[in-house]
């Protein structure tokens, strides 16, 4: 588990570094996005990964690793947007956005640690393509919950699906770094 935590933190560091660089380039322009638009952005990236996995080739040279990083960062952005539902500011100070980012990736890490304890790091024996499929399932769940105006009867809410996807992305990034 110690190696997993080191690998997890290294993957998050890469993702956060890209998030912070894009914040310097674009600010928090993502604040304009509605939850459904963020869900669709995540879907597009996950669907691209699946298409490349299925076809075995790609024509656009953006690598799959970058798509997993993008999904992770869009999941964090989605969670930040949920935190700021009643906050109409379009631009957030860098320090505030970074604080929100760290809060959510730390929560995802805690969740990963608990699940790794119970599941015995089963993810290490999974294929990366399974992470892609599991993310697509989570995206479909989120779309359904959004269509139901956030109401659920017996299932977890939107947030838990974002946290799961963050962890699937980290697992995929770890597996790709080991390959």
N, C-alpha and C. Protein backbone atom coordinates (compact mmCIF):
# COMPACT_ATOMS: atom_id res chain seq x y z
N UNK A 1 0.83 -1.21 0.00
CA UNK A 1 0.00 0.00 0.00
C UNK A 1 0.86 1.26 0.00
N UNK A 2 2.02 1.21 0.66
CA UNK A 2 2.88 2.39 0.68
C UNK A 2 3.29 2.81 -0.72
N UNK A 3 3.62 1.82 -1.57
CA UNK A 3 3.98 2.13 -2.95
C UNK A 3 2.78 2.75 -3.68
N UNK A 4 1.59 2.25 -3.40
CA UNK A 4 0.39 2.79 -4.03
C UNK A 4 0.21 4.26 -3.66
N UNK A 5 0.42 4.58 -2.41
CA UNK A 5 0.24 5.97 -1.97
C UNK A 5 1.26 6.89 -2.64
N UNK A 6 2.49 6.43 -2.78
CA UNK A 6 3.52 7.22 -3.46
C UNK A 6 3.13 7.40 -4.93
N UNK A 7 2.71 6.31 -5.58
CA UNK A 7 2.30 6.38 -6.98
C UNK A 7 1.07 7.26 -7.14
N UNK A 8 0.13 7.13 -6.23
CA UNK A 8 -1.10 7.93 -6.27
C UNK A 8 -0.74 9.42 -6.20
N UNK A 9 0.09 9.77 -5.22
CA UNK A 9 0.47 11.17 -5.04
C UNK A 9 1.22 11.70 -6.26
N UNK A 10 2.05 10.86 -6.88
CA UNK A 10 2.79 11.28 -8.07
C UNK A 10 1.84 11.56 -9.23
N UNK A 11 0.83 10.70 -9.41
CA UNK A 11 -0.15 10.91 -10.48
C UNK A 11 -0.95 12.19 -10.23
N UNK A 12 -1.37 12.40 -8.99
CA UNK A 12 -2.13 13.60 -8.65
C UNK A 12 -1.27 14.84 -8.87
N UNK A 13 0.00 14.76 -8.55
CA UNK A 13 0.91 15.91 -8.74
C UNK A 13 0.96 16.31 -10.21
N UNK A 14 1.02 15.33 -11.11
CA UNK A 14 1.03 15.61 -12.55
C UNK A 14 -0.27 16.30 -12.95
N UNK A 15 -1.39 15.75 -12.49
CA UNK A 15 -2.71 16.31 -12.85
C UNK A 15 -2.88 17.72 -12.30
N UNK A 16 -2.48 17.91 -11.05
CA UNK A 16 -2.62 19.24 -10.44
C UNK A 16 -1.72 20.25 -11.12
N UNK A 17 -0.53 19.84 -11.50
CA UNK A 17 0.39 20.74 -12.20
C UNK A 17 -0.25 21.24 -13.50
N UNK A 18 -0.86 20.33 -14.24
CA UNK A 18 -1.53 20.73 -15.49
C UNK A 18 -2.72 21.64 -15.19
N UNK A 19 -3.50 21.30 -14.17
CA UNK A 19 -4.63 22.14 -13.76
C UNK A 19 -4.17 23.56 -13.45
N UNK A 20 -3.10 23.68 -12.66
CA UNK A 20 -2.62 25.00 -12.26
C UNK A 20 -2.04 25.77 -13.45
N UNK A 21 -1.35 25.10 -14.36
CA UNK A 21 -0.83 25.78 -15.55
C UNK A 21 -1.98 26.28 -16.42
N UNK A 22 -3.02 25.48 -16.56
CA UNK A 22 -4.17 25.92 -17.35
C UNK A 22 -4.91 27.05 -16.67
N UNK A 23 -4.90 27.06 -15.33
CA UNK A 23 -5.49 28.19 -14.61
C UNK A 23 -4.75 29.48 -14.95
N UNK A 24 -3.43 29.39 -15.07
CA UNK A 24 -2.64 30.58 -15.42
C UNK A 24 -2.95 31.02 -16.84
N UNK A 25 -3.17 30.05 -17.75
CA UNK A 25 -3.49 30.37 -19.14
C UNK A 25 -4.91 30.91 -19.30
N UNK A 26 -5.88 30.23 -18.66
CA UNK A 26 -7.30 30.49 -18.92
C UNK A 26 -8.08 31.07 -17.76
N UNK A 27 -7.46 31.14 -16.58
CA UNK A 27 -8.23 31.53 -15.40
C UNK A 27 -9.24 30.43 -15.09
N UNK A 28 -10.35 30.82 -14.52
CA UNK A 28 -11.40 29.83 -14.22
C UNK A 28 -12.56 29.98 -15.21
N UNK A 29 -12.19 30.00 -16.49
CA UNK A 29 -13.20 30.11 -17.55
C UNK A 29 -14.20 28.95 -17.46
N UNK A 30 -13.81 27.84 -16.85
CA UNK A 30 -14.71 26.70 -16.69
C UNK A 30 -15.90 27.00 -15.78
N UNK A 31 -15.85 28.11 -15.06
CA UNK A 31 -16.99 28.48 -14.19
C UNK A 31 -18.26 28.70 -15.00
N UNK A 32 -18.15 28.99 -16.28
CA UNK A 32 -19.31 29.22 -17.14
C UNK A 32 -20.06 27.92 -17.44
N UNK A 33 -19.38 26.79 -17.28
CA UNK A 33 -19.96 25.50 -17.67
C UNK A 33 -21.02 25.02 -16.67
N UNK A 34 -22.14 24.59 -17.22
CA UNK A 34 -23.18 23.97 -16.41
C UNK A 34 -22.77 22.54 -16.11
N UNK A 35 -23.35 21.94 -15.07
CA UNK A 35 -23.00 20.55 -14.73
C UNK A 35 -23.13 19.59 -15.92
N UNK A 36 -24.18 19.74 -16.70
CA UNK A 36 -24.38 18.83 -17.83
C UNK A 36 -23.29 18.99 -18.88
N UNK A 37 -22.78 20.21 -19.06
CA UNK A 37 -21.70 20.42 -20.02
C UNK A 37 -20.41 19.76 -19.53
N UNK A 38 -20.15 19.82 -18.24
CA UNK A 38 -18.97 19.15 -17.69
C UNK A 38 -19.09 17.64 -17.86
N UNK A 39 -20.29 17.11 -17.61
CA UNK A 39 -20.53 15.68 -17.80
C UNK A 39 -20.25 15.29 -19.25
N UNK A 40 -20.70 16.11 -20.17
CA UNK A 40 -20.46 15.81 -21.59
C UNK A 40 -18.98 15.90 -21.94
N UNK A 41 -18.24 16.84 -21.35
CA UNK A 41 -16.80 16.92 -21.59
C UNK A 41 -16.10 15.64 -21.13
N UNK A 42 -16.48 15.17 -19.95
CA UNK A 42 -15.91 13.93 -19.42
C UNK A 42 -16.28 12.76 -20.33
N UNK A 43 -17.53 12.74 -20.79
CA UNK A 43 -17.99 11.67 -21.69
C UNK A 43 -17.16 11.64 -22.97
N UNK A 44 -16.95 12.81 -23.56
CA UNK A 44 -16.19 12.88 -24.82
C UNK A 44 -14.80 12.28 -24.64
N UNK A 45 -14.13 12.62 -23.55
CA UNK A 45 -12.79 12.11 -23.30
C UNK A 45 -12.80 10.61 -23.06
N UNK A 46 -13.74 10.12 -22.25
CA UNK A 46 -13.82 8.68 -21.98
C UNK A 46 -14.18 7.90 -23.25
N UNK A 47 -15.08 8.46 -24.04
CA UNK A 47 -15.48 7.79 -25.28
C UNK A 47 -14.30 7.73 -26.26
N UNK A 48 -13.49 8.78 -26.30
CA UNK A 48 -12.31 8.77 -27.16
C UNK A 48 -11.35 7.67 -26.73
N UNK A 49 -11.12 7.56 -25.43
CA UNK A 49 -10.23 6.49 -24.94
C UNK A 49 -10.77 5.13 -25.36
N UNK A 50 -12.07 4.91 -25.18
CA UNK A 50 -12.66 3.61 -25.53
C UNK A 50 -12.54 3.34 -27.03
N UNK A 51 -12.78 4.35 -27.85
CA UNK A 51 -12.67 4.17 -29.29
C UNK A 51 -11.25 3.79 -29.68
N UNK A 52 -10.28 4.46 -29.11
CA UNK A 52 -8.87 4.13 -29.41
C UNK A 52 -8.54 2.73 -28.92
N UNK A 53 -9.03 2.37 -27.73
CA UNK A 53 -8.80 1.01 -27.22
C UNK A 53 -9.41 -0.03 -28.15
N UNK A 54 -10.62 0.23 -28.63
CA UNK A 54 -11.31 -0.72 -29.51
C UNK A 54 -10.66 -0.82 -30.89
N UNK A 55 -10.29 0.32 -31.47
CA UNK A 55 -9.72 0.33 -32.81
C UNK A 55 -8.23 -0.01 -32.83
N UNK A 56 -7.56 0.25 -31.73
CA UNK A 56 -6.13 -0.01 -31.67
C UNK A 56 -5.27 1.02 -32.38
N UNK A 57 -5.91 2.05 -32.92
CA UNK A 57 -5.18 3.13 -33.59
C UNK A 57 -5.85 4.46 -33.27
N UNK A 58 -5.14 5.52 -33.55
CA UNK A 58 -5.71 6.85 -33.39
C UNK A 58 -5.17 7.76 -34.46
N UNK A 59 -5.96 8.78 -34.82
CA UNK A 59 -5.54 9.73 -35.84
C UNK A 59 -5.14 11.07 -35.23
N UNK A 60 -5.72 11.43 -34.10
CA UNK A 60 -5.31 12.63 -33.37
C UNK A 60 -4.26 12.19 -32.37
N UNK A 61 -3.13 12.86 -32.37
CA UNK A 61 -1.99 12.37 -31.60
C UNK A 61 -2.00 12.70 -30.11
N UNK A 62 -3.05 13.37 -29.60
CA UNK A 62 -3.15 13.57 -28.16
C UNK A 62 -3.19 12.19 -27.50
N UNK A 63 -2.30 11.95 -26.56
CA UNK A 63 -2.21 10.60 -26.01
C UNK A 63 -3.31 10.30 -24.99
N UNK A 64 -3.52 9.02 -24.75
CA UNK A 64 -4.55 8.57 -23.82
C UNK A 64 -4.25 9.05 -22.40
N UNK A 65 -2.98 9.07 -22.05
CA UNK A 65 -2.60 9.56 -20.71
C UNK A 65 -3.18 10.96 -20.50
N UNK A 66 -3.06 11.81 -21.49
CA UNK A 66 -3.60 13.16 -21.39
C UNK A 66 -5.11 13.19 -21.23
N UNK A 67 -5.77 12.21 -21.82
CA UNK A 67 -7.24 12.13 -21.68
C UNK A 67 -7.62 11.73 -20.26
N UNK A 68 -6.87 10.79 -19.66
CA UNK A 68 -7.15 10.43 -18.27
C UNK A 68 -6.91 11.61 -17.34
N UNK A 69 -5.85 12.37 -17.60
CA UNK A 69 -5.56 13.57 -16.81
C UNK A 69 -6.71 14.57 -16.98
N UNK A 70 -7.16 14.74 -18.21
CA UNK A 70 -8.28 15.65 -18.47
C UNK A 70 -9.55 15.23 -17.76
N UNK A 71 -9.85 13.93 -17.79
CA UNK A 71 -11.05 13.44 -17.09
C UNK A 71 -10.93 13.72 -15.60
N UNK A 72 -9.78 13.39 -15.02
CA UNK A 72 -9.58 13.63 -13.59
C UNK A 72 -9.80 15.11 -13.27
N UNK A 73 -9.19 15.98 -14.06
CA UNK A 73 -9.32 17.41 -13.78
C UNK A 73 -10.74 17.91 -14.00
N UNK A 74 -11.44 17.40 -14.99
CA UNK A 74 -12.85 17.78 -15.18
C UNK A 74 -13.71 17.27 -14.03
N UNK A 75 -13.39 16.11 -13.48
CA UNK A 75 -14.13 15.61 -12.31
C UNK A 75 -13.93 16.54 -11.12
N UNK A 76 -12.69 16.98 -10.91
CA UNK A 76 -12.43 17.92 -9.82
C UNK A 76 -13.15 19.24 -10.08
N UNK A 77 -13.11 19.72 -11.30
CA UNK A 77 -13.83 20.95 -11.64
C UNK A 77 -15.32 20.79 -11.36
N UNK A 78 -15.87 19.64 -11.71
CA UNK A 78 -17.29 19.37 -11.45
C UNK A 78 -17.60 19.43 -9.96
N UNK A 79 -16.73 18.84 -9.16
CA UNK A 79 -16.92 18.88 -7.71
C UNK A 79 -16.79 20.30 -7.17
N UNK A 80 -15.86 21.08 -7.71
CA UNK A 80 -15.74 22.48 -7.31
C UNK A 80 -17.01 23.24 -7.67
N UNK A 81 -17.51 23.00 -8.87
CA UNK A 81 -18.74 23.67 -9.30
C UNK A 81 -19.90 23.31 -8.35
N UNK A 82 -19.96 22.06 -7.91
CA UNK A 82 -21.00 21.67 -6.96
C UNK A 82 -20.83 22.39 -5.63
N UNK A 83 -19.57 22.57 -5.21
CA UNK A 83 -19.29 23.34 -3.99
C UNK A 83 -19.79 24.78 -4.12
N UNK A 84 -19.68 25.33 -5.32
CA UNK A 84 -19.93 26.75 -5.55
C UNK A 84 -21.26 27.00 -6.28
N UNK A 85 -22.21 26.12 -6.08
CA UNK A 85 -23.50 26.22 -6.78
C UNK A 85 -24.13 27.61 -6.61
N UNK A 86 -24.05 28.17 -5.42
CA UNK A 86 -24.69 29.47 -5.16
C UNK A 86 -23.71 30.64 -5.23
N UNK A 87 -22.56 30.40 -5.81
CA UNK A 87 -21.52 31.42 -5.94
C UNK A 87 -21.45 31.81 -7.40
N UNK A 88 -21.80 33.05 -7.72
CA UNK A 88 -21.88 33.49 -9.11
C UNK A 88 -20.58 34.05 -9.67
N UNK A 89 -19.52 34.05 -8.89
CA UNK A 89 -18.26 34.59 -9.39
C UNK A 89 -17.78 33.76 -10.57
N UNK A 90 -17.35 34.44 -11.61
CA UNK A 90 -16.81 33.73 -12.78
C UNK A 90 -15.33 33.46 -12.60
N UNK A 91 -14.65 34.32 -11.89
CA UNK A 91 -13.22 34.17 -11.70
C UNK A 91 -12.94 33.91 -10.22
N UNK A 92 -12.20 32.83 -9.96
CA UNK A 92 -11.78 32.50 -8.60
C UNK A 92 -10.30 32.84 -8.45
N UNK A 93 -9.92 33.32 -7.29
CA UNK A 93 -8.49 33.49 -7.05
C UNK A 93 -7.78 32.13 -7.16
N UNK A 94 -6.56 32.14 -7.65
CA UNK A 94 -5.79 30.92 -7.85
C UNK A 94 -5.71 30.12 -6.55
N UNK A 95 -5.45 30.80 -5.44
CA UNK A 95 -5.30 30.11 -4.15
C UNK A 95 -6.59 29.40 -3.76
N UNK A 96 -7.73 30.02 -4.02
CA UNK A 96 -9.02 29.41 -3.68
C UNK A 96 -9.29 28.18 -4.55
N UNK A 97 -9.03 28.31 -5.83
CA UNK A 97 -9.24 27.16 -6.72
C UNK A 97 -8.32 26.01 -6.32
N UNK A 98 -7.07 26.34 -5.98
CA UNK A 98 -6.12 25.30 -5.56
C UNK A 98 -6.57 24.63 -4.26
N UNK A 99 -7.13 25.41 -3.36
CA UNK A 99 -7.63 24.86 -2.09
C UNK A 99 -8.77 23.86 -2.36
N UNK A 100 -9.69 24.26 -3.24
CA UNK A 100 -10.79 23.36 -3.61
C UNK A 100 -10.25 22.09 -4.27
N UNK A 101 -9.30 22.27 -5.18
CA UNK A 101 -8.70 21.12 -5.88
C UNK A 101 -8.11 20.14 -4.87
N UNK A 102 -7.30 20.65 -3.96
CA UNK A 102 -6.65 19.80 -2.97
C UNK A 102 -7.67 19.09 -2.08
N UNK A 103 -8.71 19.80 -1.69
CA UNK A 103 -9.76 19.21 -0.86
C UNK A 103 -10.35 17.97 -1.54
N UNK A 104 -10.65 18.10 -2.81
CA UNK A 104 -11.32 17.00 -3.51
C UNK A 104 -10.38 15.83 -3.83
N UNK A 105 -9.15 16.12 -4.21
CA UNK A 105 -8.23 15.00 -4.48
C UNK A 105 -7.84 14.31 -3.18
N UNK A 106 -7.78 15.06 -2.09
CA UNK A 106 -7.50 14.42 -0.80
C UNK A 106 -8.64 13.51 -0.38
N UNK A 107 -9.88 13.95 -0.62
CA UNK A 107 -11.03 13.09 -0.31
C UNK A 107 -11.01 11.83 -1.18
N UNK A 108 -10.69 11.99 -2.45
CA UNK A 108 -10.60 10.83 -3.35
C UNK A 108 -9.52 9.87 -2.86
N UNK A 109 -8.41 10.40 -2.40
CA UNK A 109 -7.31 9.56 -1.90
C UNK A 109 -7.75 8.78 -0.66
N UNK A 110 -8.45 9.44 0.25
CA UNK A 110 -8.96 8.76 1.45
C UNK A 110 -9.92 7.64 1.06
N UNK A 111 -10.77 7.91 0.10
CA UNK A 111 -11.70 6.90 -0.40
C UNK A 111 -10.95 5.72 -1.00
N UNK A 112 -9.91 6.03 -1.79
CA UNK A 112 -9.09 4.98 -2.39
C UNK A 112 -8.44 4.11 -1.32
N UNK A 113 -7.91 4.74 -0.28
CA UNK A 113 -7.26 3.98 0.79
C UNK A 113 -8.25 3.02 1.46
N UNK A 114 -9.45 3.49 1.74
CA UNK A 114 -10.46 2.65 2.38
C UNK A 114 -10.86 1.49 1.46
N UNK A 115 -11.09 1.79 0.20
CA UNK A 115 -11.50 0.73 -0.74
C UNK A 115 -10.35 -0.23 -1.00
N UNK A 116 -9.12 0.27 -1.08
CA UNK A 116 -7.97 -0.62 -1.28
C UNK A 116 -7.84 -1.59 -0.10
N UNK A 117 -8.13 -1.11 1.08
CA UNK A 117 -8.09 -1.99 2.27
C UNK A 117 -9.07 -3.13 2.10
N UNK A 118 -10.30 -2.80 1.70
CA UNK A 118 -11.35 -3.81 1.60
C UNK A 118 -11.22 -4.70 0.37
N UNK A 119 -10.74 -4.15 -0.73
CA UNK A 119 -10.66 -4.90 -1.98
C UNK A 119 -9.27 -5.47 -2.27
N UNK A 120 -8.31 -5.18 -1.41
CA UNK A 120 -6.98 -5.75 -1.58
C UNK A 120 -6.29 -5.32 -2.87
N UNK A 121 -6.45 -4.08 -3.25
CA UNK A 121 -5.83 -3.55 -4.47
C UNK A 121 -6.16 -4.38 -5.71
N UNK A 122 -7.38 -4.83 -5.80
CA UNK A 122 -7.82 -5.62 -6.97
C UNK A 122 -7.60 -4.86 -8.27
N UNK A 123 -7.60 -3.55 -8.23
CA UNK A 123 -7.43 -2.74 -9.44
C UNK A 123 -6.12 -3.04 -10.15
N UNK A 124 -5.12 -3.49 -9.40
CA UNK A 124 -3.82 -3.78 -10.01
C UNK A 124 -3.90 -4.95 -11.00
N UNK A 125 -4.90 -5.81 -10.85
CA UNK A 125 -5.07 -6.95 -11.75
C UNK A 125 -6.09 -6.68 -12.85
N UNK A 126 -6.59 -5.46 -12.90
CA UNK A 126 -7.58 -5.11 -13.91
C UNK A 126 -6.90 -4.53 -15.15
N UNK A 127 -7.62 -4.56 -16.24
CA UNK A 127 -7.16 -3.94 -17.48
C UNK A 127 -7.55 -2.46 -17.47
N UNK A 128 -6.73 -1.65 -18.10
CA UNK A 128 -7.04 -0.22 -18.20
C UNK A 128 -8.38 -0.02 -18.91
N UNK A 129 -8.68 -0.88 -19.87
CA UNK A 129 -9.96 -0.75 -20.59
C UNK A 129 -11.15 -0.92 -19.65
N UNK A 130 -10.99 -1.68 -18.57
CA UNK A 130 -12.08 -1.81 -17.59
C UNK A 130 -12.31 -0.48 -16.86
N UNK A 131 -11.23 0.25 -16.58
CA UNK A 131 -11.40 1.57 -15.96
C UNK A 131 -12.20 2.49 -16.89
N UNK A 132 -11.89 2.41 -18.18
CA UNK A 132 -12.63 3.21 -19.16
C UNK A 132 -14.11 2.86 -19.12
N UNK A 133 -14.43 1.57 -19.15
CA UNK A 133 -15.83 1.15 -19.11
C UNK A 133 -16.51 1.57 -17.82
N UNK A 134 -15.81 1.44 -16.70
CA UNK A 134 -16.40 1.81 -15.42
C UNK A 134 -16.65 3.32 -15.35
N UNK A 135 -15.77 4.10 -15.99
CA UNK A 135 -16.01 5.54 -16.05
C UNK A 135 -17.23 5.86 -16.90
N UNK A 136 -17.36 5.17 -18.02
CA UNK A 136 -18.52 5.40 -18.87
C UNK A 136 -19.82 5.06 -18.13
N UNK A 137 -19.79 4.02 -17.32
CA UNK A 137 -20.97 3.69 -16.50
C UNK A 137 -21.26 4.84 -15.54
N UNK A 138 -20.23 5.35 -14.87
CA UNK A 138 -20.42 6.46 -13.92
C UNK A 138 -20.96 7.69 -14.65
N UNK A 139 -20.48 7.94 -15.85
CA UNK A 139 -20.97 9.09 -16.62
C UNK A 139 -22.46 8.91 -16.93
N UNK A 140 -22.86 7.71 -17.34
CA UNK A 140 -24.27 7.45 -17.63
C UNK A 140 -25.12 7.63 -16.37
N UNK A 141 -24.58 7.21 -15.23
CA UNK A 141 -25.29 7.40 -13.96
C UNK A 141 -25.47 8.89 -13.67
N UNK A 142 -24.40 9.64 -13.85
CA UNK A 142 -24.47 11.09 -13.60
C UNK A 142 -25.49 11.73 -14.52
N UNK A 143 -25.48 11.35 -15.80
CA UNK A 143 -26.46 11.91 -16.75
C UNK A 143 -27.88 11.63 -16.27
N UNK A 144 -28.12 10.40 -15.80
CA UNK A 144 -29.46 10.04 -15.33
C UNK A 144 -29.85 10.86 -14.09
N UNK A 145 -28.91 11.00 -13.18
CA UNK A 145 -29.18 11.81 -11.98
C UNK A 145 -29.43 13.26 -12.36
N UNK A 146 -28.65 13.79 -13.30
CA UNK A 146 -28.88 15.16 -13.77
C UNK A 146 -30.26 15.28 -14.40
N UNK A 147 -30.64 14.28 -15.22
CA UNK A 147 -31.96 14.30 -15.84
C UNK A 147 -33.08 14.22 -14.81
N UNK A 148 -32.77 13.60 -13.65
CA UNK A 148 -33.74 13.50 -12.54
C UNK A 148 -33.62 14.69 -11.58
N UNK A 149 -32.95 15.74 -12.04
CA UNK A 149 -32.75 16.97 -11.26
C UNK A 149 -32.08 16.71 -9.91
N UNK A 150 -31.13 15.76 -9.92
CA UNK A 150 -30.33 15.48 -8.73
C UNK A 150 -30.97 14.53 -7.73
N UNK A 151 -32.15 14.09 -8.01
CA UNK A 151 -32.87 13.21 -7.07
C UNK A 151 -32.47 11.75 -7.31
N UNK A 152 -32.20 11.05 -6.20
CA UNK A 152 -31.97 9.62 -6.25
C UNK A 152 -32.87 8.96 -5.21
N UNK A 153 -33.17 7.70 -5.43
CA UNK A 153 -34.03 6.97 -4.51
C UNK A 153 -33.19 6.04 -3.62
N UNK A 154 -32.29 5.28 -4.25
CA UNK A 154 -31.54 4.27 -3.49
C UNK A 154 -30.05 4.29 -3.79
N UNK A 155 -29.59 5.25 -4.55
CA UNK A 155 -28.19 5.21 -4.95
C UNK A 155 -27.44 6.43 -4.44
N UNK A 156 -26.10 6.33 -4.54
CA UNK A 156 -25.26 7.45 -4.15
C UNK A 156 -25.49 8.60 -5.11
N UNK A 157 -25.12 9.76 -4.70
CA UNK A 157 -25.32 10.93 -5.55
C UNK A 157 -24.21 11.12 -6.56
N UNK A 158 -24.26 12.24 -7.20
CA UNK A 158 -23.31 12.57 -8.26
C UNK A 158 -21.87 12.59 -7.75
N UNK A 159 -21.67 13.16 -6.57
CA UNK A 159 -20.31 13.34 -6.05
C UNK A 159 -19.54 12.02 -5.98
N UNK A 160 -20.18 10.98 -5.48
CA UNK A 160 -19.47 9.70 -5.34
C UNK A 160 -19.02 9.15 -6.68
N UNK A 161 -19.78 9.42 -7.73
CA UNK A 161 -19.38 8.98 -9.07
C UNK A 161 -18.16 9.74 -9.55
N UNK A 162 -18.09 11.04 -9.25
CA UNK A 162 -16.90 11.81 -9.61
C UNK A 162 -15.67 11.30 -8.86
N UNK A 163 -15.83 11.01 -7.58
CA UNK A 163 -14.69 10.51 -6.81
C UNK A 163 -14.22 9.15 -7.34
N UNK A 164 -15.15 8.29 -7.70
CA UNK A 164 -14.76 7.00 -8.29
C UNK A 164 -13.97 7.22 -9.58
N UNK A 165 -14.44 8.15 -10.42
CA UNK A 165 -13.74 8.39 -11.68
C UNK A 165 -12.35 8.98 -11.46
N UNK A 166 -12.21 9.84 -10.46
CA UNK A 166 -10.88 10.35 -10.13
C UNK A 166 -9.96 9.18 -9.83
N UNK A 167 -10.43 8.25 -9.03
CA UNK A 167 -9.58 7.12 -8.66
C UNK A 167 -9.32 6.18 -9.83
N UNK A 168 -10.30 5.97 -10.70
CA UNK A 168 -10.05 5.14 -11.89
C UNK A 168 -8.98 5.79 -12.77
N UNK A 169 -9.03 7.10 -12.89
CA UNK A 169 -8.01 7.79 -13.68
C UNK A 169 -6.63 7.63 -13.06
N UNK A 170 -6.53 7.77 -11.75
CA UNK A 170 -5.24 7.59 -11.09
C UNK A 170 -4.74 6.17 -11.30
N UNK A 171 -5.63 5.18 -11.14
CA UNK A 171 -5.22 3.79 -11.35
C UNK A 171 -4.71 3.58 -12.78
N UNK A 172 -5.41 4.15 -13.74
CA UNK A 172 -4.98 4.02 -15.14
C UNK A 172 -3.63 4.68 -15.34
N UNK A 173 -3.43 5.85 -14.76
CA UNK A 173 -2.14 6.54 -14.90
C UNK A 173 -1.02 5.74 -14.25
N UNK A 174 -1.30 5.14 -13.10
CA UNK A 174 -0.28 4.30 -12.44
C UNK A 174 0.06 3.10 -13.31
N UNK A 175 -0.96 2.42 -13.81
CA UNK A 175 -0.73 1.23 -14.65
C UNK A 175 0.04 1.61 -15.91
N UNK A 176 -0.28 2.74 -16.52
CA UNK A 176 0.42 3.17 -17.73
C UNK A 176 1.86 3.52 -17.42
N UNK A 177 2.13 4.07 -16.24
CA UNK A 177 3.52 4.40 -15.87
C UNK A 177 4.34 3.15 -15.59
N UNK A 178 3.67 2.07 -15.21
CA UNK A 178 4.36 0.81 -14.93
C UNK A 178 4.61 -0.02 -16.19
N UNK A 179 3.85 0.27 -17.23
CA UNK A 179 3.93 -0.55 -18.46
C UNK A 179 5.24 -0.34 -19.20
